[in-house]
Amino acid sequence: MAQCPGQDMRYWQYKDIFEIECPFCLTKIEFFKDDVFRVCPQCKQKIPNPKLNKGCAEHCPYADRCFGQDQT
Protein backbone atom coordinates (compact mmCIF):
# COMPACT_ATOMS: atom_id res chain seq x y z
CA MET A 1 0.00 0.00 0.00
CA ALA A 2 1.40 3.38 -1.00
CA GLN A 3 1.95 6.06 1.61
CA CYS A 4 0.16 9.36 1.45
CA PRO A 5 2.57 12.07 0.17
CA GLY A 6 1.92 14.22 3.26
CA GLN A 7 3.38 11.53 5.52
CA ASP A 8 5.95 10.04 3.12
CA MET A 9 9.40 11.15 4.31
CA ARG A 10 10.68 11.22 0.72
CA TYR A 11 8.75 14.49 0.31
CA TRP A 12 9.88 16.10 3.55
CA GLN A 13 12.18 19.10 3.80
CA TYR A 14 15.10 19.70 6.13
CA LYS A 15 12.97 21.76 8.55
CA ASP A 16 10.51 18.87 9.02
CA ILE A 17 12.88 17.26 11.56
CA PHE A 18 13.93 19.53 14.41
CA GLU A 19 15.06 19.62 18.05
CA ILE A 20 13.65 21.45 21.03
CA GLU A 21 14.72 21.59 24.66
CA CYS A 22 12.51 19.77 27.13
CA PRO A 23 10.72 22.48 29.13
CA PHE A 24 11.20 20.42 32.30
CA CYS A 25 14.87 19.37 32.21
CA LEU A 26 16.35 21.10 29.10
CA THR A 27 17.37 17.81 27.42
CA LYS A 28 17.32 17.99 23.63
CA ILE A 29 14.39 16.14 22.05
CA GLU A 30 14.19 15.37 18.33
CA PHE A 31 10.79 15.76 16.68
CA PHE A 32 9.47 14.84 13.28
CA LYS A 33 6.82 17.18 11.86
CA ASP A 34 4.11 14.57 12.31
CA ASP A 35 4.98 13.47 15.88
CA VAL A 36 2.02 14.30 18.10
CA PHE A 37 4.26 14.10 21.16
CA ARG A 38 7.58 12.64 22.34
CA VAL A 39 8.62 11.36 25.74
CA CYS A 40 11.73 13.05 27.07
CA PRO A 41 14.49 10.45 27.42
CA GLN A 42 15.77 12.12 30.58
CA CYS A 43 12.76 13.09 32.72
CA LYS A 44 10.13 10.92 30.96
CA GLN A 45 7.66 13.81 30.59
CA LYS A 46 5.26 13.70 27.63
CA ILE A 47 6.10 16.72 25.46
CA PRO A 48 3.65 17.89 22.77
CA ASN A 49 5.06 18.80 19.37
CA PRO A 50 5.14 22.61 19.17
CA LYS A 51 5.25 22.49 15.35
CA LEU A 52 2.83 19.63 14.70
CA ASN A 53 1.98 19.55 11.01
CA LYS A 54 -0.80 17.16 10.14
CA GLY A 55 -0.63 18.25 6.51
CA CYS A 56 -3.36 16.67 4.46
CA ALA A 57 -4.60 14.73 7.51
CA GLU A 58 -6.66 17.78 8.48
CA HIS A 59 -9.22 16.76 5.86
CA CYS A 60 -8.29 13.16 4.98
CA PRO A 61 -10.84 10.44 5.80
CA TYR A 62 -7.95 8.03 6.48
CA ALA A 63 -6.05 10.29 8.92
CA ASP A 64 -6.59 7.84 11.79
CA ARG A 65 -4.22 5.45 9.96
CA CYS A 66 -1.41 8.03 10.18
CA PHE A 67 -2.03 9.61 13.58
CA GLY A 68 -4.33 7.24 15.42
CA GLN A 69 -8.00 7.81 15.99
CA ASP A 70 -7.61 9.87 19.18
CA GLN A 71 -5.07 12.27 17.62
CA THR A 72 -6.98 13.51 14.55
PDB file of N, CA and C in Angstrom:
ATOM      1  N   MET A   1       0.842  -1.181   0.000  1.00  0.00           N
ATOM      2  CA  MET A   1       0.000   0.000   0.000  1.00  0.00           C
ATOM      3  C   MET A   1       0.889   1.245   0.000  1.00  0.00           C
ATOM      4  N   ALA A   2       0.600   2.150  -0.877  1.00  0.00           N
ATOM      5  CA  ALA A   2       1.396   3.379  -0.997  1.00  0.00           C
ATOM      6  C   ALA A   2       1.098   4.319   0.169  1.00  0.00           C
ATOM      7  N   GLN A   3       2.119   5.076   0.552  1.00  0.00           N
ATOM      8  CA  GLN A   3       1.951   6.061   1.612  1.00  0.00           C
ATOM      9  C   GLN A   3       1.392   7.347   1.037  1.00  0.00           C
ATOM     10  N   CYS A   4       0.650   8.046   1.843  1.00  0.00           N
ATOM     11  CA  CYS A   4       0.160   9.363   1.446  1.00  0.00           C
ATOM     12  C   CYS A   4       1.370  10.302   1.335  1.00  0.00           C
ATOM     13  N   PRO A   5       1.410  11.168   0.339  1.00  0.00           N
ATOM     14  CA  PRO A   5       2.570  12.068   0.173  1.00  0.00           C
ATOM     15  C   PRO A   5       2.804  12.991   1.363  1.00  0.00           C
ATOM     16  N   GLY A   6       1.754  13.343   2.098  1.00  0.00           N
ATOM     17  CA  GLY A   6       1.920  14.218   3.259  1.00  0.00           C
ATOM     18  C   GLY A   6       2.691  13.562   4.388  1.00  0.00           C
ATOM     19  N   GLN A   7       2.685  12.243   4.461  1.00  0.00           N
ATOM     20  CA  GLN A   7       3.377  11.529   5.520  1.00  0.00           C
ATOM     21  C   GLN A   7       4.615  10.792   5.019  1.00  0.00           C
ATOM     22  N   ASP A   8       4.811  10.740   3.730  1.00  0.00           N
ATOM     23  CA  ASP A   8       5.945  10.040   3.123  1.00  0.00           C
ATOM     24  C   ASP A   8       7.207  10.893   3.269  1.00  0.00           C
ATOM     25  N   MET A   9       8.179  10.382   4.016  1.00  0.00           N
ATOM     26  CA  MET A   9       9.401  11.152   4.312  1.00  0.00           C
ATOM     27  C   MET A   9      10.206  11.514   3.065  1.00  0.00           C
ATOM     28  N   ARG A  10       9.968  10.859   1.952  1.00  0.00           N
ATOM     29  CA  ARG A  10      10.679  11.224   0.724  1.00  0.00           C
ATOM     30  C   ARG A  10      10.327  12.633   0.265  1.00  0.00           C
ATOM     31  N   TYR A  11       9.203  13.154   0.706  1.00  0.00           N
ATOM     32  CA  TYR A  11       8.751  14.491   0.308  1.00  0.00           C
ATOM     33  C   TYR A  11       9.007  15.546   1.376  1.00  0.00           C
ATOM     34  N   TRP A  12       9.624  15.158   2.474  1.00  0.00           N
ATOM     35  CA  TRP A  12       9.876  16.096   3.550  1.00  0.00           C
ATOM     36  C   TRP A  12      11.038  17.016   3.221  1.00  0.00           C
ATOM     37  N   GLN A  13      11.083  18.140   3.925  1.00  0.00           N
ATOM     38  CA  GLN A  13      12.176  19.099   3.800  1.00  0.00           C
ATOM     39  C   GLN A  13      13.031  19.049   5.066  1.00  0.00           C
ATOM     40  N   TYR A  14      14.158  19.684   5.005  1.00  0.00           N
ATOM     41  CA  TYR A  14      15.103  19.704   6.133  1.00  0.00           C
ATOM     42  C   TYR A  14      14.437  20.157   7.423  1.00  0.00           C
ATOM     43  N   LYS A  15      13.593  21.184   7.349  1.00  0.00           N
ATOM     44  CA  LYS A  15      12.965  21.760   8.547  1.00  0.00           C
ATOM     45  C   LYS A  15      11.906  20.849   9.172  1.00  0.00           C
ATOM     46  N   ASP A  16      11.545  19.765   8.524  1.00  0.00           N
ATOM     47  CA  ASP A  16      10.508  18.869   9.024  1.00  0.00           C
ATOM     48  C   ASP A  16      10.991  17.956  10.152  1.00  0.00           C
ATOM     49  N   ILE A  17      12.289  17.978  10.422  1.00  0.00           N
ATOM     50  CA  ILE A  17      12.884  17.264  11.557  1.00  0.00           C
ATOM     51  C   ILE A  17      13.656  18.316  12.347  1.00  0.00           C
ATOM     52  N   PHE A  18      13.350  18.446  13.623  1.00  0.00           N
ATOM     53  CA  PHE A  18      13.933  19.525  14.413  1.00  0.00           C
ATOM     54  C   PHE A  18      14.097  19.091  15.866  1.00  0.00           C
ATOM     55  N   GLU A  19      14.845  19.873  16.619  1.00  0.00           N
ATOM     56  CA  GLU A  19      15.058  19.615  18.048  1.00  0.00           C
ATOM     57  C   GLU A  19      14.505  20.770  18.864  1.00  0.00           C
ATOM     58  N   ILE A  20      14.017  20.428  20.048  1.00  0.00           N
ATOM     59  CA  ILE A  20      13.653  21.447  21.033  1.00  0.00           C
ATOM     60  C   ILE A  20      14.269  21.020  22.365  1.00  0.00           C
ATOM     61  N   GLU A  21      14.298  21.934  23.309  1.00  0.00           N
ATOM     62  CA  GLU A  21      14.723  21.590  24.659  1.00  0.00           C
ATOM     63  C   GLU A  21      13.489  21.223  25.472  1.00  0.00           C
ATOM     64  N   CYS A  22      13.600  20.167  26.243  1.00  0.00           N
ATOM     65  CA  CYS A  22      12.513  19.773  27.129  1.00  0.00           C
ATOM     66  C   CYS A  22      12.246  20.937  28.091  1.00  0.00           C
ATOM     67  N   PRO A  23      11.001  21.359  28.218  1.00  0.00           N
ATOM     68  CA  PRO A  23      10.716  22.478  29.128  1.00  0.00           C
ATOM     69  C   PRO A  23      10.883  22.123  30.604  1.00  0.00           C
ATOM     70  N   PHE A  24      11.047  20.847  30.915  1.00  0.00           N
ATOM     71  CA  PHE A  24      11.203  20.416  32.301  1.00  0.00           C
ATOM     72  C   PHE A  24      12.660  20.247  32.710  1.00  0.00           C
ATOM     73  N   CYS A  25      13.483  19.671  31.810  1.00  0.00           N
ATOM     74  CA  CYS A  25      14.866  19.372  32.211  1.00  0.00           C
ATOM     75  C   CYS A  25      15.913  19.871  31.215  1.00  0.00           C
ATOM     76  N   LEU A  26      15.487  20.489  30.122  1.00  0.00           N
ATOM     77  CA  LEU A  26      16.353  21.096  29.099  1.00  0.00           C
ATOM     78  C   LEU A  26      17.117  20.096  28.230  1.00  0.00           C
ATOM     79  N   THR A  27      16.762  18.819  28.295  1.00  0.00           N
ATOM     80  CA  THR A  27      17.365  17.808  27.423  1.00  0.00           C
ATOM     81  C   THR A  27      16.865  18.031  25.998  1.00  0.00           C
ATOM     82  N   LYS A  28      17.727  17.850  25.028  1.00  0.00           N
ATOM     83  CA  LYS A  28      17.322  17.994  23.625  1.00  0.00           C
ATOM     84  C   LYS A  28      16.431  16.819  23.222  1.00  0.00           C
ATOM     85  N   ILE A  29      15.332  17.142  22.526  1.00  0.00           N
ATOM     86  CA  ILE A  29      14.391  16.138  22.049  1.00  0.00           C
ATOM     87  C   ILE A  29      14.190  16.343  20.557  1.00  0.00           C
ATOM     88  N   GLU A  30      14.380  15.285  19.781  1.00  0.00           N
ATOM     89  CA  GLU A  30      14.189  15.368  18.335  1.00  0.00           C
ATOM     90  C   GLU A  30      12.731  15.076  17.990  1.00  0.00           C
ATOM     91  N   PHE A  31      12.154  15.921  17.158  1.00  0.00           N
ATOM     92  CA  PHE A  31      10.787  15.756  16.684  1.00  0.00           C
ATOM     93  C   PHE A  31      10.773  15.626  15.173  1.00  0.00           C
ATOM     94  N   PHE A  32       9.821  14.865  14.683  1.00  0.00           N
ATOM     95  CA  PHE A  32       9.472  14.844  13.277  1.00  0.00           C
ATOM     96  C   PHE A  32       8.193  15.661  13.145  1.00  0.00           C
ATOM     97  N   LYS A  33       7.954  16.271  12.005  1.00  0.00           N
ATOM     98  CA  LYS A  33       6.825  17.182  11.856  1.00  0.00           C
ATOM     99  C   LYS A  33       5.490  16.539  12.197  1.00  0.00           C
ATOM    100  N   ASP A  34       5.382  15.227  12.065  1.00  0.00           N
ATOM    101  CA  ASP A  34       4.107  14.567  12.311  1.00  0.00           C
ATOM    102  C   ASP A  34       4.027  13.863  13.665  1.00  0.00           C
ATOM    103  N   ASP A  35       5.052  14.021  14.522  1.00  0.00           N
ATOM    104  CA  ASP A  35       4.982  13.469  15.884  1.00  0.00           C
ATOM    105  C   ASP A  35       3.957  14.273  16.676  1.00  0.00           C
ATOM    106  N   VAL A  36       2.995  13.614  17.266  1.00  0.00           N
ATOM    107  CA  VAL A  36       2.020  14.298  18.099  1.00  0.00           C
ATOM    108  C   VAL A  36       2.681  14.697  19.415  1.00  0.00           C
ATOM    109  N   PHE A  37       3.488  13.814  19.959  1.00  0.00           N
ATOM    110  CA  PHE A  37       4.259  14.096  21.165  1.00  0.00           C
ATOM    111  C   PHE A  37       5.469  13.182  21.178  1.00  0.00           C
ATOM    112  N   ARG A  38       6.426  13.503  22.055  1.00  0.00           N
ATOM    113  CA  ARG A  38       7.580  12.636  22.338  1.00  0.00           C
ATOM    114  C   ARG A  38       7.718  12.566  23.850  1.00  0.00           C
ATOM    115  N   VAL A  39       8.324  11.497  24.318  1.00  0.00           N
ATOM    116  CA  VAL A  39       8.620  11.359  25.739  1.00  0.00           C
ATOM    117  C   VAL A  39      10.096  11.716  25.921  1.00  0.00           C
ATOM    118  N   CYS A  40      10.356  12.632  26.813  1.00  0.00           N
ATOM    119  CA  CYS A  40      11.734  13.053  27.073  1.00  0.00           C
ATOM    120  C   CYS A  40      12.536  11.857  27.582  1.00  0.00           C
ATOM    121  N   PRO A  41      13.687  11.594  26.974  1.00  0.00           N
ATOM    122  CA  PRO A  41      14.491  10.453  27.416  1.00  0.00           C
ATOM    123  C   PRO A  41      15.081  10.626  28.815  1.00  0.00           C
ATOM    124  N   GLN A  42      15.170  11.861  29.261  1.00  0.00           N
ATOM    125  CA  GLN A  42      15.766  12.124  30.576  1.00  0.00           C
ATOM    126  C   GLN A  42      14.726  12.106  31.699  1.00  0.00           C
ATOM    127  N   CYS A  43      13.713  12.952  31.611  1.00  0.00           N
ATOM    128  CA  CYS A  43      12.757  13.093  32.720  1.00  0.00           C
ATOM    129  C   CYS A  43      11.441  12.345  32.489  1.00  0.00           C
ATOM    130  N   LYS A  44      11.292  11.751  31.300  1.00  0.00           N
ATOM    131  CA  LYS A  44      10.125  10.919  30.964  1.00  0.00           C
ATOM    132  C   LYS A  44       8.801  11.684  30.882  1.00  0.00           C
ATOM    133  N   GLN A  45       8.869  13.008  30.762  1.00  0.00           N
ATOM    134  CA  GLN A  45       7.659  13.806  30.595  1.00  0.00           C
ATOM    135  C   GLN A  45       7.171  13.699  29.145  1.00  0.00           C
ATOM    136  N   LYS A  46       5.867  13.728  28.962  1.00  0.00           N
ATOM    137  CA  LYS A  46       5.259  13.699  27.633  1.00  0.00           C
ATOM    138  C   LYS A  46       5.222  15.132  27.105  1.00  0.00           C
ATOM    139  N   ILE A  47       5.943  15.372  26.003  1.00  0.00           N
ATOM    140  CA  ILE A  47       6.099  16.720  25.460  1.00  0.00           C
ATOM    141  C   ILE A  47       5.333  16.817  24.140  1.00  0.00           C
ATOM    142  N   PRO A  48       4.367  17.732  24.023  1.00  0.00           N
ATOM    143  CA  PRO A  48       3.649  17.892  22.766  1.00  0.00           C
ATOM    144  C   PRO A  48       4.536  18.560  21.713  1.00  0.00           C
ATOM    145  N   ASN A  49       4.298  18.224  20.473  1.00  0.00           N
ATOM    146  CA  ASN A  49       5.055  18.795  19.366  1.00  0.00           C
ATOM    147  C   ASN A  49       4.618  20.241  19.145  1.00  0.00           C
ATOM    148  N   PRO A  50       5.517  21.210  19.338  1.00  0.00           N
ATOM    149  CA  PRO A  50       5.137  22.610  19.171  1.00  0.00           C
ATOM    150  C   PRO A  50       4.937  23.011  17.712  1.00  0.00           C
ATOM    151  N   LYS A  51       5.385  22.184  16.785  1.00  0.00           N
ATOM    152  CA  LYS A  51       5.254  22.490  15.352  1.00  0.00           C
ATOM    153  C   LYS A  51       4.471  21.400  14.622  1.00  0.00           C
ATOM    154  N   LEU A  52       3.566  20.734  15.307  1.00  0.00           N
ATOM    155  CA  LEU A  52       2.832  19.633  14.700  1.00  0.00           C
ATOM    156  C   LEU A  52       2.226  20.062  13.374  1.00  0.00           C
ATOM    157  N   ASN A  53       2.502  19.285  12.347  1.00  0.00           N
ATOM    158  CA  ASN A  53       1.981  19.551  11.011  1.00  0.00           C
ATOM    159  C   ASN A  53       1.266  18.295  10.539  1.00  0.00           C
ATOM    160  N   LYS A  54      -0.033  18.320  10.583  1.00  0.00           N
ATOM    161  CA  LYS A  54      -0.797  17.162  10.140  1.00  0.00           C
ATOM    162  C   LYS A  54      -0.979  17.144   8.626  1.00  0.00           C
ATOM    163  N   GLY A  55      -0.560  18.204   7.969  1.00  0.00           N
ATOM    164  CA  GLY A  55      -0.627  18.249   6.512  1.00  0.00           C
ATOM    165  C   GLY A  55      -2.021  17.939   6.006  1.00  0.00           C
ATOM    166  N   CYS A  56      -2.092  17.025   5.079  1.00  0.00           N
ATOM    167  CA  CYS A  56      -3.362  16.668   4.463  1.00  0.00           C
ATOM    168  C   CYS A  56      -4.283  15.922   5.417  1.00  0.00           C
ATOM    169  N   ALA A  57      -3.781  15.475   6.558  1.00  0.00           N
ATOM    170  CA  ALA A  57      -4.605  14.733   7.510  1.00  0.00           C
ATOM    171  C   ALA A  57      -5.727  15.589   8.089  1.00  0.00           C
ATOM    172  N   GLU A  58      -5.615  16.897   7.981  1.00  0.00           N
ATOM    173  CA  GLU A  58      -6.665  17.781   8.485  1.00  0.00           C
ATOM    174  C   GLU A  58      -8.012  17.480   7.832  1.00  0.00           C
ATOM    175  N   HIS A  59      -7.973  17.016   6.582  1.00  0.00           N
ATOM    176  CA  HIS A  59      -9.220  16.757   5.863  1.00  0.00           C
ATOM    177  C   HIS A  59      -9.302  15.350   5.262  1.00  0.00           C
ATOM    178  N   CYS A  60      -8.359  14.505   5.564  1.00  0.00           N
ATOM    179  CA  CYS A  60      -8.294  13.165   4.980  1.00  0.00           C
ATOM    180  C   CYS A  60      -9.161  12.176   5.762  1.00  0.00           C
ATOM    181  N   PRO A  61     -10.006  11.417   5.083  1.00  0.00           N
ATOM    182  CA  PRO A  61     -10.839  10.444   5.795  1.00  0.00           C
ATOM    183  C   PRO A  61     -10.046   9.267   6.372  1.00  0.00           C
ATOM    184  N   TYR A  62      -8.784   9.118   5.988  1.00  0.00           N
ATOM    185  CA  TYR A  62      -7.950   8.025   6.479  1.00  0.00           C
ATOM    186  C   TYR A  62      -6.888   8.503   7.470  1.00  0.00           C
ATOM    187  N   ALA A  63      -7.052   9.699   8.021  1.00  0.00           N
ATOM    188  CA  ALA A  63      -6.050  10.288   8.916  1.00  0.00           C
ATOM    189  C   ALA A  63      -5.788   9.431  10.148  1.00  0.00           C
ATOM    190  N   ASP A  64      -6.803   8.678  10.602  1.00  0.00           N
ATOM    191  CA  ASP A  64      -6.592   7.841  11.785  1.00  0.00           C
ATOM    192  C   ASP A  64      -5.535   6.778  11.535  1.00  0.00           C
ATOM    193  N   ARG A  65      -5.270   6.431  10.292  1.00  0.00           N
ATOM    194  CA  ARG A  65      -4.221   5.451   9.959  1.00  0.00           C
ATOM    195  C   ARG A  65      -2.831   6.056  10.150  1.00  0.00           C
ATOM    196  N   CYS A  66      -2.710   7.365  10.017  1.00  0.00           N
ATOM    197  CA  CYS A  66      -1.411   8.031  10.181  1.00  0.00           C
ATOM    198  C   CYS A  66      -1.170   8.456  11.624  1.00  0.00           C
ATOM    199  N   PHE A  67      -2.194   8.999  12.270  1.00  0.00           N
ATOM    200  CA  PHE A  67      -2.032   9.612  13.579  1.00  0.00           C
ATOM    201  C   PHE A  67      -2.706   8.851  14.713  1.00  0.00           C
ATOM    202  N   GLY A  68      -3.539   7.903  14.392  1.00  0.00           N
ATOM    203  CA  GLY A  68      -4.330   7.240  15.425  1.00  0.00           C
ATOM    204  C   GLY A  68      -5.647   7.963  15.609  1.00  0.00           C
ATOM    205  N   GLN A  69      -6.656   7.249  15.938  1.00  0.00           N
ATOM    206  CA  GLN A  69      -8.004   7.815  15.988  1.00  0.00           C
ATOM    207  C   GLN A  69      -8.144   8.934  17.016  1.00  0.00           C
ATOM    208  N   ASP A  70      -7.462   8.844  18.144  1.00  0.00           N
ATOM    209  CA  ASP A  70      -7.611   9.868  19.177  1.00  0.00           C
ATOM    210  C   ASP A  70      -6.765  11.109  18.927  1.00  0.00           C
ATOM    211  N   GLN A  71      -5.963  11.143  17.876  1.00  0.00           N
ATOM    212  CA  GLN A  71      -5.067  12.268  17.617  1.00  0.00           C
ATOM    213  C   GLN A  71      -5.528  13.140  16.465  1.00  0.00           C
ATOM    214  N   THR A  72      -6.549  12.735  15.724  1.00  0.00           N
ATOM    215  CA  THR A  72      -6.979  13.509  14.552  1.00  0.00           C
ATOM    216  C   THR A  72      -8.031  14.514  14.886  1.00  0.00           C
TER     217      THR A  72
END
